Amino acid sequence: MRLRSASTAVLGAVLLLAALPTSASAASGQFRYDYLTVEGYEATGFLNNPPSDRCIDLPGVGQENPEPGHSPQNRTDARATVFTEPDCQGDSFTLRPYGSASERLKVRSVVFG
């Protein structure tokens, strides 16, 4: 009887541990980009410790702004694939960790991983 109770308790503990959420992986560091605001001002956008394996539409250069971002700087420890359109659509380019690109590279979304 004790063996069955102990087995049930161990199985319950294993199932409980498996159900606990794990911490989401994230790129450590900062991703930066420059853009022209809708009002016509130069601005710099950034993402601190962005999540991995998730498409991120870059603030300030979405559908509300006809001008895309440019000059991306990947100051994180993960690869960053930037896209020319929101929702990780359009042409893409991969920046290595701690890499950057010129202002000719236009960006609207990014995924890390």
PDB file of N, CA and C in Angstrom:
ATOM      1  N   MET A   1       0.820  -1.187   0.000  1.00  0.00           N
ATOM      2  CA  MET A   1       0.000   0.000   0.000  1.00  0.00           C
ATOM      3  C   MET A   1       0.869   1.257   0.000  1.00  0.00           C
ATOM      4  N   ARG A   2       1.944   1.260   0.790  1.00  0.00           N
ATOM      5  CA  ARG A   2       2.823   2.426   0.836  1.00  0.00           C
ATOM      6  C   ARG A   2       3.514   2.646  -0.495  1.00  0.00           C
ATOM      7  N   LEU A   3       3.901   1.597  -1.179  1.00  0.00           N
ATOM      8  CA  LEU A   3       4.582   1.724  -2.458  1.00  0.00           C
ATOM      9  C   LEU A   3       3.666   2.387  -3.477  1.00  0.00           C
ATOM     10  N   ARG A   4       2.390   2.020  -3.472  1.00  0.00           N
ATOM     11  CA  ARG A   4       1.440   2.627  -4.403  1.00  0.00           C
ATOM     12  C   ARG A   4       1.250   4.112  -4.086  1.00  0.00           C
ATOM     13  N   SER A   5       1.166   4.483  -2.819  1.00  0.00           N
ATOM     14  CA  SER A   5       1.019   5.884  -2.427  1.00  0.00           C
ATOM     15  C   SER A   5       2.254   6.694  -2.802  1.00  0.00           C
ATOM     16  N   ALA A   6       3.433   6.110  -2.587  1.00  0.00           N
ATOM     17  CA  ALA A   6       4.674   6.805  -2.927  1.00  0.00           C
ATOM     18  C   ALA A   6       4.778   6.979  -4.439  1.00  0.00           C
ATOM     19  N   SER A   7       4.409   5.949  -5.190  1.00  0.00           N
ATOM     20  CA  SER A   7       4.450   6.049  -6.658  1.00  0.00           C
ATOM     21  C   SER A   7       3.491   7.112  -7.156  1.00  0.00           C
ATOM     22  N   THR A   8       2.320   7.169  -6.567  1.00  0.00           N
ATOM     23  CA  THR A   8       1.328   8.173  -6.958  1.00  0.00           C
ATOM     24  C   THR A   8       1.835   9.579  -6.641  1.00  0.00           C
ATOM     25  N   ALA A   9       2.464   9.738  -5.491  1.00  0.00           N
ATOM     26  CA  ALA A   9       3.000  11.048  -5.108  1.00  0.00           C
ATOM     27  C   ALA A   9       4.121  11.482  -6.053  1.00  0.00           C
ATOM     28  N   VAL A  10       5.006  10.562  -6.403  1.00  0.00           N
ATOM     29  CA  VAL A  10       6.100  10.888  -7.322  1.00  0.00           C
ATOM     30  C   VAL A  10       5.545  11.242  -8.698  1.00  0.00           C
ATOM     31  N   LEU A  11       4.590  10.459  -9.177  1.00  0.00           N
ATOM     32  CA  LEU A  11       3.985  10.744 -10.473  1.00  0.00           C
ATOM     33  C   LEU A  11       3.291  12.108 -10.457  1.00  0.00           C
ATOM     34  N   GLY A  12       2.600  12.426  -9.381  1.00  0.00           N
ATOM     35  CA  GLY A  12       1.944  13.731  -9.259  1.00  0.00           C
ATOM     36  C   GLY A  12       2.950  14.872  -9.266  1.00  0.00           C
ATOM     37  N   ALA A  13       4.077  14.684  -8.574  1.00  0.00           N
ATOM     38  CA  ALA A  13       5.107  15.725  -8.545  1.00  0.00           C
ATOM     39  C   ALA A  13       5.718  15.936  -9.930  1.00  0.00           C
ATOM     40  N   VAL A  14       5.957  14.850 -10.656  1.00  0.00           N
ATOM     41  CA  VAL A  14       6.505  14.952 -12.003  1.00  0.00           C
ATOM     42  C   VAL A  14       5.533  15.688 -12.918  1.00  0.00           C
ATOM     43  N   LEU A  15       4.264  15.341 -12.843  1.00  0.00           N
ATOM     44  CA  LEU A  15       3.255  16.018 -13.669  1.00  0.00           C
ATOM     45  C   LEU A  15       3.134  17.491 -13.308  1.00  0.00           C
ATOM     46  N   LEU A  16       3.233  17.818 -12.036  1.00  0.00           N
ATOM     47  CA  LEU A  16       3.169  19.209 -11.606  1.00  0.00           C
ATOM     48  C   LEU A  16       4.355  20.002 -12.139  1.00  0.00           C
ATOM     49  N   LEU A  17       5.539  19.439 -12.071  1.00  0.00           N
ATOM     50  CA  LEU A  17       6.722  20.114 -12.598  1.00  0.00           C
ATOM     51  C   LEU A  17       6.632  20.302 -14.109  1.00  0.00           C
ATOM     52  N   ALA A  18       6.077  19.339 -14.798  1.00  0.00           N
ATOM     53  CA  ALA A  18       5.946  19.443 -16.249  1.00  0.00           C
ATOM     54  C   ALA A  18       4.933  20.519 -16.634  1.00  0.00           C
ATOM     55  N   ALA A  19       3.975  20.780 -15.768  1.00  0.00           N
ATOM     56  CA  ALA A  19       2.939  21.774 -16.074  1.00  0.00           C
ATOM     57  C   ALA A  19       3.361  23.202 -15.756  1.00  0.00           C
ATOM     58  N   LEU A  20       4.423  23.383 -14.976  1.00  0.00           N
ATOM     59  CA  LEU A  20       4.866  24.725 -14.632  1.00  0.00           C
ATOM     60  C   LEU A  20       5.417  25.434 -15.863  1.00  0.00           C
ATOM     61  N   PRO A  21       5.089  26.705 -16.022  1.00  0.00           N
ATOM     62  CA  PRO A  21       5.615  27.417 -17.186  1.00  0.00           C
ATOM     63  C   PRO A  21       7.118  27.618 -17.072  1.00  0.00           C
ATOM     64  N   THR A  22       7.791  27.514 -18.187  1.00  0.00           N
ATOM     65  CA  THR A  22       9.222  27.776 -18.191  1.00  0.00           C
ATOM     66  C   THR A  22       9.439  29.214 -18.614  1.00  0.00           C
ATOM     67  N   SER A  23      10.559  29.762 -18.232  1.00  0.00           N
ATOM     68  CA  SER A  23      10.833  31.138 -18.609  1.00  0.00           C
ATOM     69  C   SER A  23      11.110  31.192 -20.113  1.00  0.00           C
ATOM     70  N   ALA A  24      10.542  32.189 -20.763  1.00  0.00           N
ATOM     71  CA  ALA A  24      10.736  32.350 -22.203  1.00  0.00           C
ATOM     72  C   ALA A  24      12.169  32.790 -22.460  1.00  0.00           C
ATOM     73  N   SER A  25      12.744  32.224 -23.498  1.00  0.00           N
ATOM     74  CA  SER A  25      14.096  32.644 -23.820  1.00  0.00           C
ATOM     75  C   SER A  25      14.048  34.025 -24.446  1.00  0.00           C
ATOM     76  N   ALA A  26      15.067  34.772 -24.219  1.00  0.00           N
ATOM     77  CA  ALA A  26      15.131  36.137 -24.747  1.00  0.00           C
ATOM     78  C   ALA A  26      16.557  36.436 -25.167  1.00  0.00           C
ATOM     79  N   ALA A  27      16.664  37.309 -26.130  1.00  0.00           N
ATOM     80  CA  ALA A  27      17.980  37.793 -26.529  1.00  0.00           C
ATOM     81  C   ALA A  27      18.417  38.821 -25.489  1.00  0.00           C
ATOM     82  N   SER A  28      19.631  38.715 -25.017  1.00  0.00           N
ATOM     83  CA  SER A  28      20.138  39.668 -24.041  1.00  0.00           C
ATOM     84  C   SER A  28      20.784  40.835 -24.772  1.00  0.00           C
ATOM     85  N   GLY A  29      20.367  42.026 -24.412  1.00  0.00           N
ATOM     86  CA  GLY A  29      20.933  43.221 -25.027  1.00  0.00           C
ATOM     87  C   GLY A  29      19.855  44.095 -25.629  1.00  0.00           C
ATOM     88  N   GLN A  30      20.263  44.941 -26.553  1.00  0.00           N
ATOM     89  CA  GLN A  30      19.341  45.919 -27.141  1.00  0.00           C
ATOM     90  C   GLN A  30      19.414  45.891 -28.664  1.00  0.00           C
ATOM     91  N   PHE A  31      18.259  46.001 -29.291  1.00  0.00           N
ATOM     92  CA  PHE A  31      18.157  46.140 -30.739  1.00  0.00           C
ATOM     93  C   PHE A  31      17.727  47.571 -30.999  1.00  0.00           C
ATOM     94  N   ARG A  32      18.437  48.265 -31.899  1.00  0.00           N
ATOM     95  CA  ARG A  32      18.155  49.670 -32.179  1.00  0.00           C
ATOM     96  C   ARG A  32      17.928  49.882 -33.670  1.00  0.00           C
ATOM     97  N   TYR A  33      17.169  50.912 -33.994  1.00  0.00           N
ATOM     98  CA  TYR A  33      16.942  51.300 -35.383  1.00  0.00           C
ATOM     99  C   TYR A  33      16.547  52.766 -35.403  1.00  0.00           C
ATOM    100  N   ASP A  34      16.806  53.428 -36.511  1.00  0.00           N
ATOM    101  CA  ASP A  34      16.443  54.834 -36.676  1.00  0.00           C
ATOM    102  C   ASP A  34      15.239  54.918 -37.595  1.00  0.00           C
ATOM    103  N   TYR A  35      14.466  55.980 -37.450  1.00  0.00           N
ATOM    104  CA  TYR A  35      13.314  56.183 -38.321  1.00  0.00           C
ATOM    105  C   TYR A  35      12.887  57.639 -38.309  1.00  0.00           C
ATOM    106  N   LEU A  36      12.089  57.993 -39.272  1.00  0.00           N
ATOM    107  CA  LEU A  36      11.509  59.324 -39.382  1.00  0.00           C
ATOM    108  C   LEU A  36      10.074  59.231 -38.879  1.00  0.00           C
ATOM    109  N   THR A  37       9.723  60.038 -37.881  1.00  0.00           N
ATOM    110  CA  THR A  37       8.369  59.979 -37.333  1.00  0.00           C
ATOM    111  C   THR A  37       7.358  60.513 -38.340  1.00  0.00           C
ATOM    112  N   VAL A  38       6.096  60.262 -38.077  1.00  0.00           N
ATOM    113  CA  VAL A  38       5.022  60.763 -38.933  1.00  0.00           C
ATOM    114  C   VAL A  38       5.073  62.296 -38.980  1.00  0.00           C
ATOM    115  N   GLU A  39       5.527  62.922 -37.895  1.00  0.00           N
ATOM    116  CA  GLU A  39       5.644  64.379 -37.835  1.00  0.00           C
ATOM    117  C   GLU A  39       6.893  64.903 -38.541  1.00  0.00           C
ATOM    118  N   GLY A  40       7.788  63.996 -38.975  1.00  0.00           N
ATOM    119  CA  GLY A  40       8.982  64.404 -39.697  1.00  0.00           C
ATOM    120  C   GLY A  40      10.245  64.533 -38.869  1.00  0.00           C
ATOM    121  N   TYR A  41      10.241  64.040 -37.641  1.00  0.00           N
ATOM    122  CA  TYR A  41      11.415  64.116 -36.773  1.00  0.00           C
ATOM    123  C   TYR A  41      12.220  62.823 -36.820  1.00  0.00           C
ATOM    124  N   GLU A  42      13.548  62.941 -36.731  1.00  0.00           N
ATOM    125  CA  GLU A  42      14.408  61.760 -36.621  1.00  0.00           C
ATOM    126  C   GLU A  42      14.235  61.173 -35.222  1.00  0.00           C
ATOM    127  N   ALA A  43      14.151  59.857 -35.160  1.00  0.00           N
ATOM    128  CA  ALA A  43      13.978  59.181 -33.876  1.00  0.00           C
ATOM    129  C   ALA A  43      14.756  57.868 -33.893  1.00  0.00           C
ATOM    130  N   THR A  44      15.012  57.349 -32.706  1.00  0.00           N
ATOM    131  CA  THR A  44      15.650  56.047 -32.554  1.00  0.00           C
ATOM    132  C   THR A  44      14.719  55.167 -31.743  1.00  0.00           C
ATOM    133  N   GLY A  45      14.417  53.996 -32.288  1.00  0.00           N
ATOM    134  CA  GLY A  45      13.614  53.013 -31.570  1.00  0.00           C
ATOM    135  C   GLY A  45      14.514  51.927 -31.028  1.00  0.00           C
ATOM    136  N   PHE A  46      14.060  51.246 -29.991  1.00  0.00           N
ATOM    137  CA  PHE A  46      14.873  50.166 -29.437  1.00  0.00           C
ATOM    138  C   PHE A  46      13.997  49.135 -28.754  1.00  0.00           C
ATOM    139  N   LEU A  47      14.526  47.931 -28.676  1.00  0.00           N
ATOM    140  CA  LEU A  47      13.911  46.818 -27.956  1.00  0.00           C
ATOM    141  C   LEU A  47      14.950  46.308 -26.973  1.00  0.00           C
ATOM    142  N   ASN A  48      14.605  46.251 -25.693  1.00  0.00           N
ATOM    143  CA  ASN A  48      15.516  45.736 -24.676  1.00  0.00           C
ATOM    144  C   ASN A  48      15.190  44.283 -24.377  1.00  0.00           C
ATOM    145  N   ASN A  49      16.196  43.422 -24.420  1.00  0.00           N
ATOM    146  CA  ASN A  49      16.042  41.997 -24.123  1.00  0.00           C
ATOM    147  C   ASN A  49      14.801  41.409 -24.805  1.00  0.00           C
ATOM    148  N   PRO A  50      14.740  41.502 -26.129  1.00  0.00           N
ATOM    149  CA  PRO A  50      13.542  41.053 -26.847  1.00  0.00           C
ATOM    150  C   PRO A  50      13.366  39.537 -26.776  1.00  0.00           C
ATOM    151  N   PRO A  51      12.114  39.070 -26.811  1.00  0.00           N
ATOM    152  CA  PRO A  51      11.858  37.627 -26.771  1.00  0.00           C
ATOM    153  C   PRO A  51      12.352  36.945 -28.041  1.00  0.00           C
ATOM    154  N   SER A  52      12.708  35.696 -27.933  1.00  0.00           N
ATOM    155  CA  SER A  52      13.182  34.919 -29.072  1.00  0.00           C
ATOM    156  C   SER A  52      12.014  34.203 -29.753  1.00  0.00           C
ATOM    157  N   ASP A  53      12.214  33.899 -31.019  1.00  0.00           N
ATOM    158  CA  ASP A  53      11.274  33.095 -31.807  1.00  0.00           C
ATOM    159  C   ASP A  53       9.872  33.682 -31.856  1.00  0.00           C
ATOM    160  N   ARG A  54       9.774  35.000 -31.846  1.00  0.00           N
ATOM    161  CA  ARG A  54       8.471  35.678 -31.940  1.00  0.00           C
ATOM    162  C   ARG A  54       8.636  36.912 -32.818  1.00  0.00           C
ATOM    163  N   CYS A  55       7.758  37.064 -33.789  1.00  0.00           N
ATOM    164  CA  CYS A  55       7.814  38.226 -34.667  1.00  0.00           C
ATOM    165  C   CYS A  55       7.419  39.481 -33.893  1.00  0.00           C
ATOM    166  N   ILE A  56       8.212  40.529 -34.040  1.00  0.00           N
ATOM    167  CA  ILE A  56       7.945  41.794 -33.361  1.00  0.00           C
ATOM    168  C   ILE A  56       7.840  42.889 -34.417  1.00  0.00           C
ATOM    169  N   ASP A  57       6.679  43.547 -34.482  1.00  0.00           N
ATOM    170  CA  ASP A  57       6.539  44.729 -35.335  1.00  0.00           C
ATOM    171  C   ASP A  57       7.208  45.889 -34.605  1.00  0.00           C
ATOM    172  N   LEU A  58       8.110  46.577 -35.277  1.00  0.00           N
ATOM    173  CA  LEU A  58       8.880  47.632 -34.636  1.00  0.00           C
ATOM    174  C   LEU A  58       8.023  48.868 -34.371  1.00  0.00           C
ATOM    175  N   PRO A  59       8.000  49.346 -33.130  1.00  0.00           N
ATOM    176  CA  PRO A  59       7.229  50.537 -32.791  1.00  0.00           C
ATOM    177  C   PRO A  59       7.679  51.748 -33.615  1.00  0.00           C
ATOM    178  N   GLY A  60       6.717  52.521 -34.087  1.00  0.00           N
ATOM    179  CA  GLY A  60       7.002  53.748 -34.818  1.00  0.00           C
ATOM    180  C   GLY A  60       7.101  53.591 -36.315  1.00  0.00           C
ATOM    181  N   VAL A  61       7.247  52.368 -36.813  1.00  0.00           N
ATOM    182  CA  VAL A  61       7.399  52.164 -38.255  1.00  0.00           C
ATOM    183  C   VAL A  61       6.390  51.149 -38.798  1.00  0.00           C
ATOM    184  N   GLY A  62       5.268  51.048 -38.131  1.00  0.00           N
ATOM    185  CA  GLY A  62       4.230  50.129 -38.572  1.00  0.00           C
ATOM    186  C   GLY A  62       3.396  50.724 -39.696  1.00  0.00           C
ATOM    187  N   GLN A  63       2.209  50.225 -39.850  1.00  0.00           N
ATOM    188  CA  GLN A  63       1.333  50.656 -40.935  1.00  0.00           C
ATOM    189  C   GLN A  63       0.935  52.117 -40.828  1.00  0.00           C
ATOM    190  N   GLU A  64       1.009  52.691 -39.629  1.00  0.00           N
ATOM    191  CA  GLU A  64       0.639  54.095 -39.449  1.00  0.00           C
ATOM    192  C   GLU A  64       1.697  55.049 -40.008  1.00  0.00           C
ATOM    193  N   ASN A  65       2.899  54.550 -40.247  1.00  0.00           N
ATOM    194  CA  ASN A  65       3.989  55.381 -40.742  1.00  0.00           C
ATOM    195  C   ASN A  65       4.397  54.908 -42.142  1.00  0.00           C
ATOM    196  N   PRO A  66       4.306  55.769 -43.138  1.00  0.00           N
ATOM    197  CA  PRO A  66       4.691  55.345 -44.485  1.00  0.00           C
ATOM    198  C   PRO A  66       6.193  55.112 -44.643  1.00  0.00           C
ATOM    199  N   GLU A  67       7.007  55.650 -43.727  1.00  0.00           N
ATOM    200  CA  GLU A  67       8.461  55.492 -43.797  1.00  0.00           C
ATOM    201  C   GLU A  67       8.906  54.321 -42.927  1.00  0.00           C
ATOM    202  N   PRO A  68       9.680  53.374 -43.477  1.00  0.00           N
ATOM    203  CA  PRO A  68      10.200  52.279 -42.656  1.00  0.00           C
ATOM    204  C   PRO A  68      11.376  52.738 -41.807  1.00  0.00           C
ATOM    205  N   GLY A  69      11.776  51.906 -40.868  1.00  0.00           N
ATOM    206  CA  GLY A  69      12.989  52.165 -40.106  1.00  0.00           C
ATOM    207  C   GLY A  69      14.204  51.833 -40.949  1.00  0.00           C
ATOM    208  N   HIS A  70      15.367  52.227 -40.475  1.00  0.00           N
ATOM    209  CA  HIS A  70      16.613  51.963 -41.192  1.00  0.00           C
ATOM    210  C   HIS A  70      17.766  51.886 -40.201  1.00  0.00           C
ATOM    211  N   SER A  71      18.936  51.526 -40.683  1.00  0.00           N
ATOM    212  CA  SER A  71      20.167  51.457 -39.884  1.00  0.00           C
ATOM    213  C   SER A  71      20.028  50.577 -38.640  1.00  0.00           C
ATOM    214  N   PRO A  72      19.550  49.331 -38.788  1.00  0.00           N
ATOM    215  CA  PRO A  72      19.391  48.491 -37.600  1.00  0.00           C
ATOM    216  C   PRO A  72      20.731  48.123 -36.977  1.00  0.00           C
ATOM    217  N   GLN A  73      20.734  48.073 -35.649  1.00  0.00           N
ATOM    218  CA  GLN A  73      21.916  47.684 -34.874  1.00  0.00           C
ATOM    219  C   GLN A  73      21.501  46.579 -33.917  1.00  0.00           C
ATOM    220  N   ASN A  74      22.034  45.403 -34.135  1.00  0.00           N
ATOM    221  CA  ASN A  74      21.706  44.266 -33.278  1.00  0.00           C
ATOM    222  C   ASN A  74      22.746  44.169 -32.169  1.00  0.00           C
ATOM    223  N   ARG A  75      22.470  44.782 -31.049  1.00  0.00           N
ATOM    224  CA  ARG A  75      23.379  44.760 -29.897  1.00  0.00           C
ATOM    225  C   ARG A  75      22.980  43.668 -28.915  1.00  0.00           C
ATOM    226  N   THR A  76      22.407  42.571 -29.454  1.00  0.00           N
ATOM    227  CA  THR A  76      22.019  41.439 -28.611  1.00  0.00           C
ATOM    228  C   THR A  76      22.960  40.273 -28.867  1.00  0.00           C
ATOM    229  N   ASP A  77      22.793  39.216 -28.062  1.00  0.00           N
ATOM    230  CA  ASP A  77      23.617  38.016 -28.215  1.00  0.00           C
ATOM    231  C   ASP A  77      22.965  36.977 -29.126  1.00  0.00           C
ATOM    232  N   ALA A  78      21.921  37.357 -29.867  1.00  0.00           N
ATOM    233  CA  ALA A  78      21.209  36.429 -30.750  1.00  0.00           C
ATOM    234  C   ALA A  78      21.155  36.987 -32.174  1.00  0.00           C
ATOM    235  N   ARG A  79      20.954  36.082 -33.144  1.00  0.00           N
ATOM    236  CA  ARG A  79      20.750  36.532 -34.519  1.00  0.00           C
ATOM    237  C   ARG A  79      19.422  37.270 -34.597  1.00  0.00           C
ATOM    238  N   ALA A  80      19.387  38.326 -35.398  1.00  0.00           N
ATOM    239  CA  ALA A  80      18.157  39.089 -35.617  1.00  0.00           C
ATOM    240  C   ALA A  80      17.862  39.078 -37.110  1.00  0.00           C
ATOM    241  N   THR A  81      16.708  38.559 -37.484  1.00  0.00           N
ATOM    242  CA  THR A  81      16.295  38.596 -38.880  1.00  0.00           C
ATOM    243  C   THR A  81      15.290  39.729 -39.021  1.00  0.00           C
ATOM    244  N   VAL A  82      15.660  40.739 -39.807  1.00  0.00           N
ATOM    245  CA  VAL A  82      14.795  41.902 -40.002  1.00  0.00           C
ATOM    246  C   VAL A  82      14.026  41.743 -41.312  1.00  0.00           C
ATOM    247  N   PHE A  83      12.833  42.330 -41.345  1.00  0.00           N
ATOM    248  CA  PHE A  83      11.952  42.226 -42.506  1.00  0.00           C
ATOM    249  C   PHE A  83      11.533  43.612 -42.974  1.00  0.00           C
ATOM    250  N   THR A  84      11.266  43.723 -44.262  1.00  0.00           N
ATOM    251  CA  THR A  84      10.879  45.001 -44.858  1.00  0.00           C
ATOM    252  C   THR A  84       9.416  45.345 -44.621  1.00  0.00           C
ATOM    253  N   GLU A  85       8.623  44.379 -44.160  1.00  0.00           N
ATOM    254  CA  GLU A  85       7.189  44.587 -43.932  1.00  0.00           C
ATOM    255  C   GLU A  85       6.805  44.163 -42.519  1.00  0.00           C
ATOM    256  N   PRO A  86       5.655  44.663 -42.005  1.00  0.00           N
ATOM    257  CA  PRO A  86       5.164  44.195 -40.702  1.00  0.00           C
ATOM    258  C   PRO A  86       4.861  42.692 -40.745  1.00  0.00           C
ATOM    259  N   ASP A  87       4.699  42.102 -39.587  1.00  0.00           N
ATOM    260  CA  ASP A  87       4.357  40.684 -39.432  1.00  0.00           C
ATOM    261  C   ASP A  87       5.400  39.756 -40.048  1.00  0.00           C
ATOM    262  N   CYS A  88       6.650  40.190 -40.072  1.00  0.00           N
ATOM    263  CA  CYS A  88       7.769  39.402 -40.601  1.00  0.00           C
ATOM    264  C   CYS A  88       7.502  38.922 -42.028  1.00  0.00           C
ATOM    265  N   GLN A  89       7.027  39.845 -42.839  1.00  0.00           N
ATOM    266  CA  GLN A  89       6.750  39.590 -44.242  1.00  0.00           C
ATOM    267  C   GLN A  89       7.721  40.404 -45.095  1.00  0.00           C
ATOM    268  N   GLY A  90       7.773  40.094 -46.370  1.00  0.00           N
ATOM    269  CA  GLY A  90       8.626  40.837 -47.294  1.00  0.00           C
ATOM    270  C   GLY A  90      10.039  40.304 -47.313  1.00  0.00           C
ATOM    271  N   ASP A  91      10.933  41.097 -47.857  1.00  0.00           N
ATOM    272  CA  ASP A  91      12.342  40.695 -47.919  1.00  0.00           C
ATOM    273  C   ASP A  91      12.932  40.674 -46.512  1.00  0.00           C
ATOM    274  N   SER A  92      13.938  39.821 -46.328  1.00  0.00           N
ATOM    275  CA  SER A  92      14.555  39.713 -45.009  1.00  0.00           C
ATOM    276  C   SER A  92      16.074  39.740 -45.123  1.00  0.00           C
ATOM    277  N   PHE A  93      16.696  40.059 -44.000  1.00  0.00           N
ATOM    278  CA  PHE A  93      18.148  40.096 -43.895  1.00  0.00           C
ATOM    279  C   PHE A  93      18.502  39.708 -42.460  1.00  0.00           C
ATOM    280  N   THR A  94      19.500  38.873 -42.282  1.00  0.00           N
ATOM    281  CA  THR A  94      19.887  38.434 -40.946  1.00  0.00           C
ATOM    282  C   THR A  94      21.124  39.189 -40.478  1.00  0.00           C
ATOM    283  N   LEU A  95      21.014  39.752 -39.282  1.00  0.00           N
ATOM    284  CA  LEU A  95      22.137  40.430 -38.634  1.00  0.00           C
ATOM    285  C   LEU A  95      22.719  39.504 -37.582  1.00  0.00           C
ATOM    286  N   ARG A  96      24.011  39.324 -37.607  1.00  0.00           N
ATOM    287  CA  ARG A  96      24.662  38.493 -36.591  1.00  0.00           C
ATOM    288  C   ARG A  96      24.598  39.211 -35.234  1.00  0.00           C
ATOM    289  N   PRO A  97      24.848  38.491 -34.148  1.00  0.00           N
ATOM    290  CA  PRO A  97      24.900  39.150 -32.843  1.00  0.00           C
ATOM    291  C   PRO A  97      25.931  40.278 -32.863  1.00  0.00           C
ATOM    292  N   TYR A  98      25.576  41.401 -32.299  1.00  0.00           N
ATOM    293  CA  TYR A  98      26.411  42.597 -32.205  1.00  0.00           C
ATOM    294  C   TYR A  98      26.790  43.155 -33.585  1.00  0.00           C
ATOM    295  N   GLY A  99      25.930  42.903 -34.578  1.00  0.00           N
ATOM    296  CA  GLY A  99      26.156  43.404 -35.928  1.00  0.00           C
ATOM    297  C   GLY A  99      25.238  44.564 -36.252  1.00  0.00           C
ATOM    298  N   SER A 100      25.516  45.235 -37.353  1.00  0.00           N
ATOM    299  CA  SER A 100      24.679  46.356 -37.770  1.00  0.00           C
ATOM    300  C   SER A 100      24.660  46.428 -39.288  1.00  0.00           C
ATOM    301  N   ALA A 101      23.796  47.291 -39.805  1.00  0.00           N
ATOM    302  CA  ALA A 101      23.675  47.483 -41.248  1.00  0.00           C
ATOM    303  C   ALA A 101      23.525  48.974 -41.528  1.00  0.00           C
ATOM    304  N   SER A 102      23.688  49.339 -42.782  1.00  0.00           N
ATOM    305  CA  SER A 102      23.626  50.750 -43.171  1.00  0.00           C
ATOM    306  C   SER A 102      22.181  51.238 -43.243  1.00  0.00           C
ATOM    307  N   GLU A 103      22.029  52.513 -43.509  1.00  0.00           N
ATOM    308  CA  GLU A 103      20.682  53.093 -43.599  1.00  0.00           C
ATOM    309  C   GLU A 103      19.941  52.623 -44.840  1.00  0.00           C
ATOM    310  N   ARG A 104      20.636  51.963 -45.751  1.00  0.00           N
ATOM    311  CA  ARG A 104      19.959  51.422 -46.936  1.00  0.00           C
ATOM    312  C   ARG A 104      19.053  50.252 -46.594  1.00  0.00           C
ATOM    313  N   LEU A 105      19.310  49.562 -45.468  1.00  0.00           N
ATOM    314  CA  LEU A 105      18.475  48.435 -45.063  1.00  0.00           C
ATOM    315  C   LEU A 105      17.237  48.967 -44.356  1.00  0.00           C
ATOM    316  N   LYS A 106      16.073  48.759 -44.964  1.00  0.00           N
ATOM    317  CA  LYS A 106      14.796  49.242 -44.421  1.00  0.00           C
ATOM    318  C   LYS A 106      14.147  48.130 -43.611  1.00  0.00           C
ATOM    319  N   VAL A 107      13.566  48.484 -42.459  1.00  0.00           N
ATOM    320  CA  VAL A 107      13.004  47.479 -41.547  1.00  0.00           C
ATOM    321  C   VAL A 107      11.651  47.921 -40.992  1.00  0.00           C
ATOM    322  N   ARG A 108      10.779  46.927 -40.780  1.00  0.00           N
ATOM    323  CA  ARG A 108       9.490  47.157 -40.109  1.00  0.00           C
ATOM    324  C   ARG A 108       9.198  46.098 -39.046  1.00  0.00           C
ATOM    325  N   SER A 109       9.883  44.953 -39.113  1.00  0.00           N
ATOM    326  CA  SER A 109       9.670  43.903 -38.109  1.00  0.00           C
ATOM    327  C   SER A 109      10.940  43.073 -37.967  1.00  0.00           C
ATOM    328  N   VAL A 110      11.005  42.300 -36.887  1.00  0.00           N
ATOM    329  CA  VAL A 110      12.205  41.522 -36.569  1.00  0.00           C
ATOM    330  C   VAL A 110      11.826  40.282 -35.777  1.00  0.00           C
ATOM    331  N   VAL A 111      12.640  39.241 -35.916  1.00  0.00           N
ATOM    332  CA  VAL A 111      12.525  38.052 -35.085  1.00  0.00           C
ATOM    333  C   VAL A 111      13.935  37.659 -34.647  1.00  0.00           C
ATOM    334  N   PHE A 112      14.071  37.245 -33.389  1.00  0.00           N
ATOM    335  CA  PHE A 112      15.362  36.874 -32.825  1.00  0.00           C
ATOM    336  C   PHE A 112      15.410  35.372 -32.637  1.00  0.00           C
ATOM    337  N   GLY A 113      16.572  34.798 -32.845  1.00  0.00           N
ATOM    338  CA  GLY A 113      16.692  33.361 -32.618  1.00  0.00           C
ATOM    339  C   GLY A 113      17.767  32.725 -33.420  1.00  0.00           C
TER     340      GLY A 113
END
